Amino acid sequence: MEAVFVQVVNLSIAASWLVLVVMVLRVVFRRAPKWIFCLLWGLVALRLVCPFSIESALSLIPSAHTLPPEIMAARAMICRSEMRPSTP
C-alpha cells in the first residue's frame, strides 16, 4: 500500500509540473486562440486521470521517481519547539 501511495505522489508531482507549464504558457501567449488553452488543460486532465509516466533522457524530469520509495521506510523526524514567555 505504501508503494502505491509513493507512486501516486510521484505522478501528482509530475502533473503539477505540467500545470505550471500550462499556466506560464497562458501568460506568455495571451493572444492565442482559446481552443489551444482548452487542449493544454485537456492534456493536464489526461495526465491526472491516466497513471502512466514516460521517462526520457531529454526530459526536464528524466526520472519518474521524484520521491524515492525508501522515503516510507525512513525514520520519522520529530520537531519539538517550545515557546517560552519572554521575561521582562
N, C-alpha and C. Protein backbone atom coordinates (compact mmCIF):
# COMPACT_ATOMS: atom_id res chain seq x y z
N MET A 1 0.82 -1.19 0.00
CA MET A 1 0.00 0.00 0.00
C MET A 1 0.87 1.26 0.00
N GLU A 2 2.01 1.18 0.70
CA GLU A 2 2.90 2.33 0.75
C GLU A 2 3.51 2.61 -0.63
N ALA A 3 3.79 1.55 -1.38
CA ALA A 3 4.35 1.74 -2.72
C ALA A 3 3.34 2.43 -3.63
N VAL A 4 2.07 2.11 -3.48
CA VAL A 4 1.04 2.76 -4.28
C VAL A 4 0.96 4.24 -3.92
N PHE A 5 1.05 4.54 -2.63
CA PHE A 5 1.00 5.92 -2.19
C PHE A 5 2.17 6.72 -2.77
N VAL A 6 3.37 6.17 -2.72
CA VAL A 6 4.54 6.86 -3.27
C VAL A 6 4.39 7.05 -4.76
N GLN A 7 3.85 6.06 -5.46
CA GLN A 7 3.64 6.17 -6.90
C GLN A 7 2.64 7.27 -7.23
N VAL A 8 1.55 7.35 -6.46
CA VAL A 8 0.54 8.40 -6.69
C VAL A 8 1.14 9.78 -6.42
N VAL A 9 1.95 9.89 -5.38
CA VAL A 9 2.60 11.18 -5.09
C VAL A 9 3.54 11.56 -6.22
N ASN A 10 4.31 10.62 -6.73
CA ASN A 10 5.22 10.91 -7.84
C ASN A 10 4.46 11.35 -9.08
N LEU A 11 3.36 10.70 -9.40
CA LEU A 11 2.57 11.09 -10.57
C LEU A 11 1.93 12.45 -10.36
N SER A 12 1.52 12.75 -9.15
CA SER A 12 0.93 14.06 -8.86
C SER A 12 1.97 15.17 -8.99
N ILE A 13 3.18 14.92 -8.57
CA ILE A 13 4.25 15.92 -8.71
C ILE A 13 4.53 16.17 -10.18
N ALA A 14 4.58 15.12 -10.98
CA ALA A 14 4.81 15.29 -12.41
C ALA A 14 3.65 16.07 -13.06
N ALA A 15 2.43 15.80 -12.63
CA ALA A 15 1.29 16.54 -13.18
C ALA A 15 1.32 18.00 -12.75
N SER A 16 1.81 18.26 -11.56
CA SER A 16 1.89 19.66 -11.11
C SER A 16 2.90 20.44 -11.94
N TRP A 17 3.96 19.79 -12.39
CA TRP A 17 4.89 20.47 -13.30
C TRP A 17 4.20 20.83 -14.60
N LEU A 18 3.35 19.94 -15.10
CA LEU A 18 2.61 20.23 -16.33
C LEU A 18 1.62 21.37 -16.12
N VAL A 19 1.00 21.43 -14.96
CA VAL A 19 0.09 22.55 -14.65
C VAL A 19 0.86 23.87 -14.66
N LEU A 20 2.04 23.88 -14.06
CA LEU A 20 2.86 25.10 -14.06
C LEU A 20 3.24 25.53 -15.48
N VAL A 21 3.57 24.57 -16.32
CA VAL A 21 3.93 24.88 -17.71
C VAL A 21 2.74 25.49 -18.44
N VAL A 22 1.55 24.92 -18.24
CA VAL A 22 0.35 25.45 -18.90
C VAL A 22 0.05 26.85 -18.40
N MET A 23 0.22 27.10 -17.12
CA MET A 23 -0.05 28.43 -16.59
C MET A 23 0.93 29.46 -17.15
N VAL A 24 2.18 29.08 -17.29
CA VAL A 24 3.17 30.00 -17.88
C VAL A 24 2.84 30.25 -19.35
N LEU A 25 2.46 29.21 -20.07
CA LEU A 25 2.11 29.38 -21.48
C LEU A 25 0.88 30.27 -21.65
N ARG A 26 -0.05 30.21 -20.73
CA ARG A 26 -1.23 31.09 -20.80
C ARG A 26 -0.82 32.55 -20.66
N VAL A 27 0.14 32.82 -19.80
CA VAL A 27 0.59 34.20 -19.61
C VAL A 27 1.39 34.67 -20.82
N VAL A 28 2.23 33.81 -21.35
CA VAL A 28 3.10 34.19 -22.48
C VAL A 28 2.27 34.38 -23.75
N PHE A 29 1.36 33.46 -24.02
CA PHE A 29 0.59 33.51 -25.26
C PHE A 29 -0.85 33.95 -24.98
N ARG A 30 -1.03 35.16 -24.56
CA ARG A 30 -2.37 35.65 -24.24
C ARG A 30 -3.26 35.76 -25.47
N ARG A 31 -2.67 36.04 -26.60
CA ARG A 31 -3.45 36.26 -27.83
C ARG A 31 -3.72 34.98 -28.61
N ALA A 32 -3.30 33.84 -28.08
CA ALA A 32 -3.52 32.57 -28.77
C ALA A 32 -5.00 32.22 -28.76
N PRO A 33 -5.44 31.43 -29.73
CA PRO A 33 -6.85 31.02 -29.75
C PRO A 33 -7.22 30.22 -28.50
N LYS A 34 -8.47 30.33 -28.10
CA LYS A 34 -8.93 29.69 -26.87
C LYS A 34 -8.87 28.17 -26.95
N TRP A 35 -9.00 27.60 -28.14
CA TRP A 35 -9.01 26.15 -28.25
C TRP A 35 -7.65 25.56 -27.88
N ILE A 36 -6.60 26.33 -28.05
CA ILE A 36 -5.27 25.84 -27.68
C ILE A 36 -5.17 25.67 -26.17
N PHE A 37 -5.74 26.63 -25.43
CA PHE A 37 -5.72 26.52 -23.97
C PHE A 37 -6.59 25.36 -23.50
N CYS A 38 -7.71 25.15 -24.17
CA CYS A 38 -8.56 24.00 -23.83
C CYS A 38 -7.81 22.69 -24.08
N LEU A 39 -7.05 22.63 -25.16
CA LEU A 39 -6.26 21.45 -25.47
C LEU A 39 -5.18 21.23 -24.41
N LEU A 40 -4.51 22.30 -23.99
CA LEU A 40 -3.47 22.17 -22.97
C LEU A 40 -4.05 21.70 -21.64
N TRP A 41 -5.19 22.26 -21.23
CA TRP A 41 -5.81 21.81 -19.99
C TRP A 41 -6.33 20.39 -20.12
N GLY A 42 -6.71 19.99 -21.34
CA GLY A 42 -7.09 18.60 -21.57
C GLY A 42 -5.93 17.65 -21.36
N LEU A 43 -4.73 18.09 -21.77
CA LEU A 43 -3.53 17.28 -21.52
C LEU A 43 -3.27 17.14 -20.03
N VAL A 44 -3.48 18.22 -19.29
CA VAL A 44 -3.31 18.16 -17.83
C VAL A 44 -4.32 17.18 -17.24
N ALA A 45 -5.57 17.24 -17.68
CA ALA A 45 -6.59 16.33 -17.17
C ALA A 45 -6.25 14.88 -17.51
N LEU A 46 -5.76 14.65 -18.72
CA LEU A 46 -5.36 13.30 -19.12
C LEU A 46 -4.21 12.81 -18.25
N ARG A 47 -3.28 13.68 -17.95
CA ARG A 47 -2.13 13.32 -17.11
C ARG A 47 -2.57 12.96 -15.69
N LEU A 48 -3.59 13.67 -15.19
CA LEU A 48 -4.07 13.38 -13.84
C LEU A 48 -4.91 12.10 -13.78
N VAL A 49 -5.62 11.80 -14.87
CA VAL A 49 -6.50 10.64 -14.87
C VAL A 49 -5.76 9.35 -15.20
N CYS A 50 -4.86 9.40 -16.16
CA CYS A 50 -4.14 8.20 -16.60
C CYS A 50 -2.83 8.06 -15.83
N PRO A 51 -2.70 7.01 -15.04
CA PRO A 51 -1.49 6.85 -14.23
C PRO A 51 -0.34 6.19 -15.00
N PHE A 52 0.31 6.96 -15.84
CA PHE A 52 1.47 6.45 -16.55
C PHE A 52 2.54 7.53 -16.57
N SER A 53 3.75 7.11 -16.81
CA SER A 53 4.85 8.07 -16.85
C SER A 53 5.80 7.67 -17.96
N ILE A 54 6.22 8.65 -18.74
CA ILE A 54 7.15 8.41 -19.83
C ILE A 54 8.50 8.98 -19.41
N GLU A 55 9.52 8.14 -19.37
CA GLU A 55 10.84 8.58 -18.99
C GLU A 55 11.67 8.84 -20.25
N SER A 56 12.45 9.92 -20.20
CA SER A 56 13.28 10.27 -21.34
C SER A 56 14.54 10.95 -20.84
N ALA A 57 15.63 10.74 -21.54
CA ALA A 57 16.88 11.41 -21.18
C ALA A 57 16.82 12.89 -21.53
N LEU A 58 15.93 13.27 -22.44
CA LEU A 58 15.80 14.66 -22.85
C LEU A 58 14.77 15.43 -22.03
N SER A 59 14.11 14.75 -21.12
CA SER A 59 13.07 15.37 -20.33
C SER A 59 13.66 16.28 -19.25
N LEU A 60 12.87 17.27 -18.83
CA LEU A 60 13.31 18.12 -17.73
C LEU A 60 13.30 17.35 -16.42
N ILE A 61 12.41 16.39 -16.31
CA ILE A 61 12.36 15.49 -15.16
C ILE A 61 12.61 14.08 -15.70
N PRO A 62 13.88 13.66 -15.84
CA PRO A 62 14.17 12.39 -16.51
C PRO A 62 13.72 11.15 -15.75
N SER A 63 13.51 11.25 -14.45
CA SER A 63 13.10 10.09 -13.68
C SER A 63 11.64 10.23 -13.27
N ALA A 64 10.93 9.14 -13.30
CA ALA A 64 9.53 9.16 -12.88
C ALA A 64 9.41 9.12 -11.36
N HIS A 65 10.51 8.83 -10.69
CA HIS A 65 10.51 8.71 -9.24
C HIS A 65 11.09 9.96 -8.61
N THR A 66 10.23 10.97 -8.42
CA THR A 66 10.67 12.20 -7.76
C THR A 66 10.97 11.92 -6.30
N LEU A 67 10.08 11.18 -5.67
CA LEU A 67 10.32 10.73 -4.30
C LEU A 67 10.76 9.28 -4.36
N PRO A 68 11.86 8.94 -3.71
CA PRO A 68 12.30 7.54 -3.74
C PRO A 68 11.38 6.68 -2.90
N PRO A 69 11.23 5.40 -3.27
CA PRO A 69 10.36 4.50 -2.49
C PRO A 69 10.85 4.30 -1.06
N GLU A 70 12.14 4.53 -0.80
CA GLU A 70 12.69 4.33 0.53
C GLU A 70 12.23 5.40 1.52
N ILE A 71 11.56 6.42 1.03
CA ILE A 71 11.15 7.51 1.92
C ILE A 71 10.14 7.03 2.95
N MET A 72 9.37 6.01 2.63
CA MET A 72 8.40 5.50 3.58
C MET A 72 9.07 4.69 4.69
N ALA A 73 10.26 4.17 4.44
CA ALA A 73 10.96 3.38 5.44
C ALA A 73 11.84 4.25 6.33
N ALA A 74 11.98 5.51 5.99
CA ALA A 74 12.83 6.40 6.77
C ALA A 74 12.19 6.67 8.13
N ARG A 75 13.05 6.95 9.08
CA ARG A 75 12.54 7.27 10.41
C ARG A 75 11.82 8.61 10.37
N ALA A 76 10.79 8.71 11.13
CA ALA A 76 10.03 9.96 11.19
C ALA A 76 10.84 11.01 11.94
N MET A 77 10.81 12.22 11.42
CA MET A 77 11.51 13.31 12.08
C MET A 77 10.58 13.92 13.14
N ILE A 78 11.12 14.15 14.28
CA ILE A 78 10.35 14.76 15.36
C ILE A 78 10.90 16.16 15.58
N CYS A 79 10.02 17.11 15.52
CA CYS A 79 10.41 18.50 15.72
C CYS A 79 9.71 19.01 16.96
N ARG A 80 10.49 19.32 17.96
CA ARG A 80 9.93 19.85 19.20
C ARG A 80 10.26 21.32 19.28
N SER A 81 9.27 22.10 19.45
CA SER A 81 9.53 23.52 19.62
C SER A 81 8.80 23.98 20.86
N GLU A 82 9.49 24.73 21.64
CA GLU A 82 8.90 25.23 22.88
C GLU A 82 8.84 26.75 22.78
N MET A 83 7.69 27.26 23.08
CA MET A 83 7.55 28.70 23.11
C MET A 83 7.53 29.12 24.58
N ARG A 84 8.50 29.89 24.93
CA ARG A 84 8.59 30.34 26.31
C ARG A 84 8.21 31.82 26.38
N PRO A 85 7.49 32.18 27.42
CA PRO A 85 7.15 33.59 27.55
C PRO A 85 8.41 34.42 27.82
N SER A 86 8.44 35.56 27.23
CA SER A 86 9.59 36.43 27.44
C SER A 86 9.52 37.05 28.83
N THR A 87 10.64 37.12 29.47
CA THR A 87 10.70 37.71 30.82
C THR A 87 11.09 39.17 30.70
N PRO A 88 10.40 40.02 31.43
CA PRO A 88 10.71 41.45 31.33
C PRO A 88 11.99 41.83 32.02
